[in-house]
Amino acid sequence: MEKSDSFDRRRAVLESVVEVFKAFRIDRKNFKGKHYILWIEAKGENKDEVFVDLTMKNANGLTLNEEIIDLLFRKGYEIDSIELRHGTPENNLDKIKKKEAANVVMYLEEVSILATSQIPTTVLKARLTLAPGSPAALKQPEGYVIDSTNTPYNIGRVIEPGDTTNRINHIEIIDETREYSSRSLAHIDFSDTIGFYIQREKPTETNLVEVIRKTETKTLKNESATVVLKEGDRIKLRHVLLDFHIVKD
């Protein structure tokens, strides 16, 4: 996904959110004390990746939630919280406003704070193991278990003592030859709406990242590209291959 496309789509979404709140203002003068859910239904083959791209932090370190709240405040709408979800709402149609922007359909839903606070938080886990025949090795031979509450998880070569980099790798690859991996390969993050996803670090010749799913291979061409991880995916980090499996209790 090109950076210009990402920027234009994000800007269009922000501008359209204000229009959606204006529609609510016809009936409701006070937004304070209410909780809102903004459903985002992206279109196209890469709709999961589009949602992740929209909800990532921008160049100033702000999430889309934070940008929306800040923009609405400057427009006179004081809201306490807004939650972003991927997909389409299934109920409360009388409390939902719809808007299309930049090949994205948005639905704004008003819910009670009490109702959202009673939803239990589920911790999801996954395991990453070295694929058979892969060069190099993992510092933890048995693999790494990651969970949804502690993301992101950085992946890269073991940082040697005395290395001045500030990089911390949570999934460490042993590669004494330095032929198969680099210190900064990729990181895995988590979204409540789509699950675990992988994002490439700043592209260099030594950190090619691909996700292999059955007969399909998705290449992460730049640092803004993301791929949602599914059960059984194989992650190719230059030459190193990792298998991704969801941990079931």
C-alpha atoms as a PDB file:
ATOM      1  CA  MET A   1       0.000   0.000   0.000  1.00  0.00           C
ATOM      2  CA  GLU A   2       1.499   3.327  -1.056  1.00  0.00           C
ATOM      3  CA  LYS A   3       2.050   6.027   1.571  1.00  0.00           C
ATOM      4  CA  SER A   4       0.123   8.616  -0.474  1.00  0.00           C
ATOM      5  CA  ASP A   5      -2.905   6.323  -0.642  1.00  0.00           C
ATOM      6  CA  SER A   6      -2.750   5.738   3.105  1.00  0.00           C
ATOM      7  CA  PHE A   7      -2.521   9.465   3.834  1.00  0.00           C
ATOM      8  CA  ASP A   8      -5.405  10.376   1.514  1.00  0.00           C
ATOM      9  CA  ARG A   9      -7.643   7.623   2.888  1.00  0.00           C
ATOM     10  CA  ARG A  10      -6.949   8.601   6.495  1.00  0.00           C
ATOM     11  CA  ARG A  11      -7.641  12.263   5.761  1.00  0.00           C
ATOM     12  CA  ALA A  12     -10.918  11.392   4.001  1.00  0.00           C
ATOM     13  CA  VAL A  13     -12.014   9.279   6.963  1.00  0.00           C
ATOM     14  CA  LEU A  14     -11.258  12.077   9.424  1.00  0.00           C
ATOM     15  CA  GLU A  15     -13.200  14.616   7.393  1.00  0.00           C
ATOM     16  CA  SER A  16     -16.163  12.270   7.043  1.00  0.00           C
ATOM     17  CA  VAL A  17     -16.299  11.459  10.767  1.00  0.00           C
ATOM     18  CA  VAL A  18     -17.156  15.084  11.472  1.00  0.00           C
ATOM     19  CA  GLU A  19     -20.041  14.888   8.990  1.00  0.00           C
ATOM     20  CA  VAL A  20     -21.349  11.753  10.709  1.00  0.00           C
ATOM     21  CA  PHE A  21     -21.338  13.478  14.106  1.00  0.00           C
ATOM     22  CA  LYS A  22     -23.169  16.423  12.609  1.00  0.00           C
ATOM     23  CA  ALA A  23     -25.948  14.014  11.654  1.00  0.00           C
ATOM     24  CA  PHE A  24     -26.159  12.855  15.276  1.00  0.00           C
ATOM     25  CA  ARG A  25     -26.258  16.453  16.502  1.00  0.00           C
ATOM     26  CA  ILE A  26     -29.749  16.872  14.997  1.00  0.00           C
ATOM     27  CA  ASP A  27     -31.131  14.823  17.877  1.00  0.00           C
ATOM     28  CA  ARG A  28     -28.401  14.931  20.510  1.00  0.00           C
ATOM     29  CA  LYS A  29     -26.858  18.125  21.842  1.00  0.00           C
ATOM     30  CA  ASN A  30     -24.632  16.538  24.478  1.00  0.00           C
ATOM     31  CA  PHE A  31     -22.000  13.999  23.486  1.00  0.00           C
ATOM     32  CA  LYS A  32     -20.164  13.968  26.805  1.00  0.00           C
ATOM     33  CA  GLY A  33     -20.554  10.809  28.880  1.00  0.00           C
ATOM     34  CA  LYS A  34     -21.357   8.694  25.826  1.00  0.00           C
ATOM     35  CA  HIS A  35     -19.280   6.001  24.153  1.00  0.00           C
ATOM     36  CA  TYR A  36     -19.133   5.599  20.373  1.00  0.00           C
ATOM     37  CA  ILE A  37     -18.100   2.785  18.081  1.00  0.00           C
ATOM     38  CA  LEU A  38     -16.899   3.675  14.600  1.00  0.00           C
ATOM     39  CA  TRP A  39     -17.254   0.621  12.390  1.00  0.00           C
ATOM     40  CA  ILE A  40     -14.943   0.720   9.369  1.00  0.00           C
ATOM     41  CA  GLU A  41     -15.736  -1.565   6.456  1.00  0.00           C
ATOM     42  CA  ALA A  42     -12.922  -1.402   3.941  1.00  0.00           C
ATOM     43  CA  LYS A  43     -13.493  -2.608   0.388  1.00  0.00           C
ATOM     44  CA  GLY A  44     -11.280  -4.634  -1.928  1.00  0.00           C
ATOM     45  CA  GLU A  45      -9.085  -7.713  -1.634  1.00  0.00           C
ATOM     46  CA  ASN A  46      -6.816  -6.238   1.060  1.00  0.00           C
ATOM     47  CA  LYS A  47      -9.562  -4.896   3.331  1.00  0.00           C
ATOM     48  CA  ASP A  48      -7.968  -6.306   6.499  1.00  0.00           C
ATOM     49  CA  GLU A  49      -4.694  -4.584   5.702  1.00  0.00           C
ATOM     50  CA  VAL A  50      -6.526  -1.333   4.865  1.00  0.00           C
ATOM     51  CA  PHE A  51      -8.161  -1.330   8.312  1.00  0.00           C
ATOM     52  CA  VAL A  52      -4.846  -1.969  10.059  1.00  0.00           C
ATOM     53  CA  ASP A  53      -3.188   0.781   8.025  1.00  0.00           C
ATOM     54  CA  LEU A  54      -5.930   3.241   8.982  1.00  0.00           C
ATOM     55  CA  THR A  55      -5.660   2.484  12.679  1.00  0.00           C
ATOM     56  CA  MET A  56      -1.853   2.602  12.923  1.00  0.00           C
ATOM     57  CA  LYS A  57      -0.168   5.617  14.519  1.00  0.00           C
ATOM     58  CA  ASN A  58       0.527   8.514  12.174  1.00  0.00           C
ATOM     59  CA  ALA A  59       3.829  10.357  11.716  1.00  0.00           C
ATOM     60  CA  ASN A  60       3.119  12.347  14.906  1.00  0.00           C
ATOM     61  CA  GLY A  61       2.539   9.198  16.950  1.00  0.00           C
ATOM     62  CA  LEU A  62      -1.256   9.579  17.161  1.00  0.00           C
ATOM     63  CA  THR A  63      -3.725   6.744  16.680  1.00  0.00           C
ATOM     64  CA  LEU A  64      -6.800   7.324  14.542  1.00  0.00           C
ATOM     65  CA  ASN A  65      -8.914   7.333  17.738  1.00  0.00           C
ATOM     66  CA  GLU A  66      -6.824  10.170  19.156  1.00  0.00           C
ATOM     67  CA  GLU A  67      -6.955  12.122  15.916  1.00  0.00           C
ATOM     68  CA  ILE A  68     -10.747  11.780  15.777  1.00  0.00           C
ATOM     69  CA  ILE A  69     -11.261  12.932  19.377  1.00  0.00           C
ATOM     70  CA  ASP A  70      -8.893  15.883  18.870  1.00  0.00           C
ATOM     71  CA  LEU A  71     -10.552  16.928  15.607  1.00  0.00           C
ATOM     72  CA  LEU A  72     -14.059  16.645  17.068  1.00  0.00           C
ATOM     73  CA  PHE A  73     -13.053  18.706  20.111  1.00  0.00           C
ATOM     74  CA  ARG A  74     -11.857  21.496  17.796  1.00  0.00           C
ATOM     75  CA  LYS A  75     -15.240  21.291  16.043  1.00  0.00           C
ATOM     76  CA  GLY A  76     -17.138  21.606  19.331  1.00  0.00           C
ATOM     77  CA  TYR A  77     -17.890  17.939  20.021  1.00  0.00           C
ATOM     78  CA  GLU A  78     -16.649  16.785  23.429  1.00  0.00           C
ATOM     79  CA  ILE A  79     -16.794  13.001  23.488  1.00  0.00           C
ATOM     80  CA  ASP A  80     -15.292  10.733  26.130  1.00  0.00           C
ATOM     81  CA  SER A  81     -14.255   7.807  23.965  1.00  0.00           C
ATOM     82  CA  ILE A  82     -14.533   6.266  20.543  1.00  0.00           C
ATOM     83  CA  GLU A  83     -13.687   2.676  19.638  1.00  0.00           C
ATOM     84  CA  LEU A  84     -12.715   1.486  16.169  1.00  0.00           C
ATOM     85  CA  ARG A  85     -13.988  -1.854  14.891  1.00  0.00           C
ATOM     86  CA  HIS A  86     -13.619  -3.634  11.593  1.00  0.00           C
ATOM     87  CA  GLY A  87     -16.791  -4.689   9.786  1.00  0.00           C
ATOM     88  CA  THR A  88     -20.476  -3.810   9.937  1.00  0.00           C
ATOM     89  CA  PRO A  89     -22.754  -3.389  13.000  1.00  0.00           C
ATOM     90  CA  GLU A  90     -25.527  -5.923  13.362  1.00  0.00           C
ATOM     91  CA  ASN A  91     -28.065  -4.131  15.561  1.00  0.00           C
ATOM     92  CA  ASN A  92     -29.222  -0.777  16.970  1.00  0.00           C
ATOM     93  CA  LEU A  93     -29.871   0.456  13.447  1.00  0.00           C
ATOM     94  CA  ASP A  94     -31.854   3.377  14.811  1.00  0.00           C
ATOM     95  CA  LYS A  95     -28.696   4.674  16.482  1.00  0.00           C
ATOM     96  CA  ILE A  96     -26.356   4.297  13.541  1.00  0.00           C
ATOM     97  CA  LYS A  97     -25.259   6.814  10.932  1.00  0.00           C
ATOM     98  CA  LYS A  98     -23.552   5.715   7.713  1.00  0.00           C
ATOM     99  CA  LYS A  99     -20.984   7.495   5.570  1.00  0.00           C
ATOM    100  CA  GLU A 100     -18.726   6.498   2.654  1.00  0.00           C
ATOM    101  CA  ALA A 101     -15.239   7.903   2.186  1.00  0.00           C
ATOM    102  CA  ALA A 102     -12.204   6.862   0.125  1.00  0.00           C
ATOM    103  CA  ASN A 103     -13.464   3.358  -0.641  1.00  0.00           C
ATOM    104  CA  VAL A 104     -14.330   2.869   3.032  1.00  0.00           C
ATOM    105  CA  VAL A 105     -17.812   2.648   4.550  1.00  0.00           C
ATOM    106  CA  MET A 106     -18.161   3.966   8.117  1.00  0.00           C
ATOM    107  CA  TYR A 107     -20.955   3.338  10.591  1.00  0.00           C
ATOM    108  CA  LEU A 108     -21.140   5.370  13.800  1.00  0.00           C
ATOM    109  CA  GLU A 109     -22.905   3.648  16.678  1.00  0.00           C
ATOM    110  CA  GLU A 110     -23.781   5.152  20.053  1.00  0.00           C
ATOM    111  CA  VAL A 111     -23.596   2.725  22.979  1.00  0.00           C
ATOM    112  CA  SER A 112     -23.667   3.004  26.751  1.00  0.00           C
ATOM    113  CA  ILE A 113     -20.381   3.012  28.663  1.00  0.00           C
ATOM    114  CA  LEU A 114     -21.858   0.458  31.084  1.00  0.00           C
ATOM    115  CA  ALA A 115     -22.511  -1.978  28.267  1.00  0.00           C
ATOM    116  CA  THR A 116     -18.972  -1.751  26.905  1.00  0.00           C
ATOM    117  CA  SER A 117     -17.355  -2.076  30.350  1.00  0.00           C
ATOM    118  CA  GLN A 118     -19.127  -5.387  30.923  1.00  0.00           C
ATOM    119  CA  ILE A 119     -17.543  -7.029  27.862  1.00  0.00           C
ATOM    120  CA  PRO A 120     -14.808  -9.415  29.117  1.00  0.00           C
ATOM    121  CA  THR A 121     -11.299  -8.997  27.741  1.00  0.00           C
ATOM    122  CA  THR A 122     -10.073 -12.175  26.076  1.00  0.00           C
ATOM    123  CA  VAL A 123      -6.337 -12.805  25.814  1.00  0.00           C
ATOM    124  CA  LEU A 124      -5.415 -14.502  22.544  1.00  0.00           C
ATOM    125  CA  LYS A 125      -2.122 -16.336  22.099  1.00  0.00           C
ATOM    126  CA  ALA A 126      -0.051 -17.625  19.205  1.00  0.00           C
ATOM    127  CA  ARG A 127       3.163 -19.618  18.856  1.00  0.00           C
ATOM    128  CA  LEU A 128       6.073 -18.975  16.487  1.00  0.00           C
ATOM    129  CA  THR A 129       8.442 -21.849  15.779  1.00  0.00           C
ATOM    130  CA  LEU A 130      11.325 -22.364  13.378  1.00  0.00           C
ATOM    131  CA  ALA A 131      10.152 -24.146  10.229  1.00  0.00           C
ATOM    132  CA  PRO A 132      11.914 -27.425   9.307  1.00  0.00           C
ATOM    133  CA  GLY A 133      14.959 -26.873   7.113  1.00  0.00           C
ATOM    134  CA  SER A 134      15.211 -23.183   7.921  1.00  0.00           C
ATOM    135  CA  PRO A 135      18.750 -21.761   8.257  1.00  0.00           C
ATOM    136  CA  ALA A 136      19.843 -20.088  11.498  1.00  0.00           C
ATOM    137  CA  ALA A 137      18.065 -20.901  14.786  1.00  0.00           C
ATOM    138  CA  LEU A 138      15.907 -19.351  17.475  1.00  0.00           C
ATOM    139  CA  LYS A 139      17.380 -18.314  20.806  1.00  0.00           C
ATOM    140  CA  GLN A 140      14.462 -20.219  22.362  1.00  0.00           C
ATOM    141  CA  PRO A 141      14.589 -23.538  20.458  1.00  0.00           C
ATOM    142  CA  GLU A 142      11.048 -24.423  21.527  1.00  0.00           C
ATOM    143  CA  GLY A 143       9.743 -21.238  19.929  1.00  0.00           C
ATOM    144  CA  TYR A 144       7.984 -18.161  21.277  1.00  0.00           C
ATOM    145  CA  VAL A 145       4.464 -17.708  22.594  1.00  0.00           C
ATOM    146  CA  ILE A 146       3.007 -14.242  22.060  1.00  0.00           C
ATOM    147  CA  ASP A 147      -0.232 -12.831  23.429  1.00  0.00           C
ATOM    148  CA  SER A 148      -2.593 -10.043  22.507  1.00  0.00           C
ATOM    149  CA  THR A 149      -1.954  -7.947  25.627  1.00  0.00           C
ATOM    150  CA  ASN A 150       1.809  -7.436  25.243  1.00  0.00           C
ATOM    151  CA  THR A 151       2.244  -6.461  21.610  1.00  0.00           C
ATOM    152  CA  PRO A 152       4.170  -5.395  19.635  1.00  0.00           C
ATOM    153  CA  TYR A 153       6.771  -8.163  19.421  1.00  0.00           C
ATOM    154  CA  ASN A 154       9.959  -7.240  17.556  1.00  0.00           C
ATOM    155  CA  ILE A 155      11.644  -9.929  15.447  1.00  0.00           C
ATOM    156  CA  GLY A 156      15.324  -9.834  14.562  1.00  0.00           C
ATOM    157  CA  ARG A 157      18.826 -11.186  15.029  1.00  0.00           C
ATOM    158  CA  VAL A 158      20.129 -11.455  18.591  1.00  0.00           C
ATOM    159  CA  ILE A 159      21.530  -8.098  19.708  1.00  0.00           C
ATOM    160  CA  GLU A 160      25.137  -8.768  20.688  1.00  0.00           C
ATOM    161  CA  PRO A 161      26.660  -7.308  23.907  1.00  0.00           C
ATOM    162  CA  GLY A 162      28.196  -3.928  23.240  1.00  0.00           C
ATOM    163  CA  ASP A 163      25.874  -3.205  20.312  1.00  0.00           C
ATOM    164  CA  THR A 164      24.892   0.460  20.568  1.00  0.00           C
ATOM    165  CA  THR A 165      21.478   0.021  18.947  1.00  0.00           C
ATOM    166  CA  ASN A 166      18.393   0.732  21.052  1.00  0.00           C
ATOM    167  CA  ARG A 167      16.593  -2.153  19.397  1.00  0.00           C
ATOM    168  CA  ILE A 168      14.999  -4.791  21.651  1.00  0.00           C
ATOM    169  CA  ASN A 169      13.990  -8.044  19.975  1.00  0.00           C
ATOM    170  CA  HIS A 170      11.382 -10.213  21.666  1.00  0.00           C
ATOM    171  CA  ILE A 171      11.699 -13.017  19.097  1.00  0.00           C
ATOM    172  CA  GLU A 172      15.431 -13.555  18.624  1.00  0.00           C
ATOM    173  CA  ILE A 173      17.180 -15.295  15.732  1.00  0.00           C
ATOM    174  CA  ILE A 174      20.677 -16.722  16.222  1.00  0.00           C
ATOM    175  CA  ASP A 175      22.682 -16.059  13.081  1.00  0.00           C
ATOM    176  CA  GLU A 176      26.408 -15.898  13.750  1.00  0.00           C
ATOM    177  CA  THR A 177      27.196 -15.563  10.044  1.00  0.00           C
ATOM    178  CA  ARG A 178      24.788 -12.613   9.727  1.00  0.00           C
ATOM    179  CA  GLU A 179      23.901 -13.957   6.293  1.00  0.00           C
ATOM    180  CA  TYR A 180      20.284 -14.906   6.967  1.00  0.00           C
ATOM    181  CA  SER A 181      18.823 -12.106   9.078  1.00  0.00           C
ATOM    182  CA  SER A 182      19.236  -8.541  10.319  1.00  0.00           C
ATOM    183  CA  ARG A 183      18.733  -6.876  13.697  1.00  0.00           C
ATOM    184  CA  SER A 184      15.462  -5.269  12.585  1.00  0.00           C
ATOM    185  CA  LEU A 185      13.280  -7.581  10.527  1.00  0.00           C
ATOM    186  CA  ALA A 186       9.641  -7.037  11.448  1.00  0.00           C
ATOM    187  CA  HIS A 187       7.210  -6.854  14.348  1.00  0.00           C
ATOM    188  CA  ILE A 188       3.919  -8.542  15.175  1.00  0.00           C
ATOM    189  CA  ASP A 189       1.079  -6.479  16.612  1.00  0.00           C
ATOM    190  CA  PHE A 190      -2.537  -7.158  17.541  1.00  0.00           C
ATOM    191  CA  SER A 191      -5.890  -5.528  16.808  1.00  0.00           C
ATOM    192  CA  ASP A 192      -9.080  -6.482  18.683  1.00  0.00           C
ATOM    193  CA  THR A 193     -10.966  -6.591  15.424  1.00  0.00           C
ATOM    194  CA  ILE A 194      -8.692  -8.625  13.139  1.00  0.00           C
ATOM    195  CA  GLY A 195      -6.199 -10.352  15.422  1.00  0.00           C
ATOM    196  CA  PHE A 196      -2.431 -10.647  14.983  1.00  0.00           C
ATOM    197  CA  TYR A 197      -0.730  -8.952  12.055  1.00  0.00           C
ATOM    198  CA  ILE A 198       2.856  -8.491  10.921  1.00  0.00           C
ATOM    199  CA  GLN A 199       4.518  -5.303   9.726  1.00  0.00           C
ATOM    200  CA  ARG A 200       7.884  -4.932   8.077  1.00  0.00           C
ATOM    201  CA  GLU A 201      10.576  -2.647   9.470  1.00  0.00           C
ATOM    202  CA  LYS A 202      12.252  -0.002   7.330  1.00  0.00           C
ATOM    203  CA  PRO A 203      13.085  -1.860   4.102  1.00  0.00           C
ATOM    204  CA  THR A 204      16.673  -2.838   3.389  1.00  0.00           C
ATOM    205  CA  GLU A 205      18.199  -5.574   1.259  1.00  0.00           C
ATOM    206  CA  THR A 206      18.527  -7.758   4.360  1.00  0.00           C
ATOM    207  CA  ASN A 207      14.991  -7.717   5.744  1.00  0.00           C
ATOM    208  CA  LEU A 208      12.676  -9.048   3.058  1.00  0.00           C
ATOM    209  CA  VAL A 209       9.389 -10.132   4.673  1.00  0.00           C
ATOM    210  CA  GLU A 210       6.799 -12.449   3.130  1.00  0.00           C
ATOM    211  CA  VAL A 211       3.798 -14.376   4.426  1.00  0.00           C
ATOM    212  CA  ILE A 212       3.154 -17.733   2.749  1.00  0.00           C
ATOM    213  CA  ARG A 213      -0.424 -19.062   3.001  1.00  0.00           C
ATOM    214  CA  LYS A 214      -0.946 -22.368   1.193  1.00  0.00           C
ATOM    215  CA  THR A 215      -0.207 -21.511  -2.455  1.00  0.00           C
ATOM    216  CA  GLU A 216      -0.300 -17.729  -1.993  1.00  0.00           C
ATOM    217  CA  THR A 217       2.629 -15.495  -1.031  1.00  0.00           C
ATOM    218  CA  LYS A 218       2.172 -11.930   0.213  1.00  0.00           C
ATOM    219  CA  THR A 219       5.228  -9.674   0.101  1.00  0.00           C
ATOM    220  CA  LEU A 220       5.452  -6.702   2.457  1.00  0.00           C
ATOM    221  CA  LYS A 221       6.993  -4.160   0.106  1.00  0.00           C
ATOM    222  CA  ASN A 222       7.423  -1.232   2.497  1.00  0.00           C
ATOM    223  CA  GLU A 223       7.255  -0.290   6.175  1.00  0.00           C
ATOM    224  CA  SER A 224       3.585   0.750   5.959  1.00  0.00           C
ATOM    225  CA  ALA A 225       2.505  -2.626   4.539  1.00  0.00           C
ATOM    226  CA  THR A 226       0.827  -5.137   6.852  1.00  0.00           C
ATOM    227  CA  VAL A 227      -0.503  -8.677   6.579  1.00  0.00           C
ATOM    228  CA  VAL A 228      -3.046 -10.200   8.947  1.00  0.00           C
ATOM    229  CA  LEU A 229      -1.754 -13.539  10.230  1.00  0.00           C
ATOM    230  CA  LYS A 230      -3.885 -16.661   9.991  1.00  0.00           C
ATOM    231  CA  GLU A 231      -3.531 -20.149  11.472  1.00  0.00           C
ATOM    232  CA  GLY A 232      -0.856 -22.123   9.636  1.00  0.00           C
ATOM    233  CA  ASP A 233       0.838 -19.148   7.973  1.00  0.00           C
ATOM    234  CA  ARG A 234       4.559 -19.371   7.277  1.00  0.00           C
ATOM    235  CA  ILE A 235       6.525 -16.160   7.757  1.00  0.00           C
ATOM    236  CA  LYS A 236       9.619 -15.720   5.596  1.00  0.00           C
ATOM    237  CA  LEU A 237      12.128 -13.248   7.026  1.00  0.00           C
ATOM    238  CA  ARG A 238      14.762 -13.000   4.311  1.00  0.00           C
ATOM    239  CA  HIS A 239      15.869 -16.676   4.471  1.00  0.00           C
ATOM    240  CA  VAL A 240      14.530 -17.646   7.903  1.00  0.00           C
ATOM    241  CA  LEU A 241      11.139 -19.397   7.988  1.00  0.00           C
ATOM    242  CA  LEU A 242       8.797 -19.261  11.002  1.00  0.00           C
ATOM    243  CA  ASP A 243       5.516 -21.141  11.423  1.00  0.00           C
ATOM    244  CA  PHE A 244       2.569 -19.287  12.990  1.00  0.00           C
ATOM    245  CA  HIS A 245      -0.065 -21.193  14.983  1.00  0.00           C
ATOM    246  CA  ILE A 246      -2.889 -19.992  17.208  1.00  0.00           C
ATOM    247  CA  VAL A 247      -2.645 -21.403  20.744  1.00  0.00           C
ATOM    248  CA  LYS A 248      -5.901 -23.006  21.808  1.00  0.00           C
ATOM    249  CA  ASP A 249      -6.669 -23.469  25.507  1.00  0.00           C
END
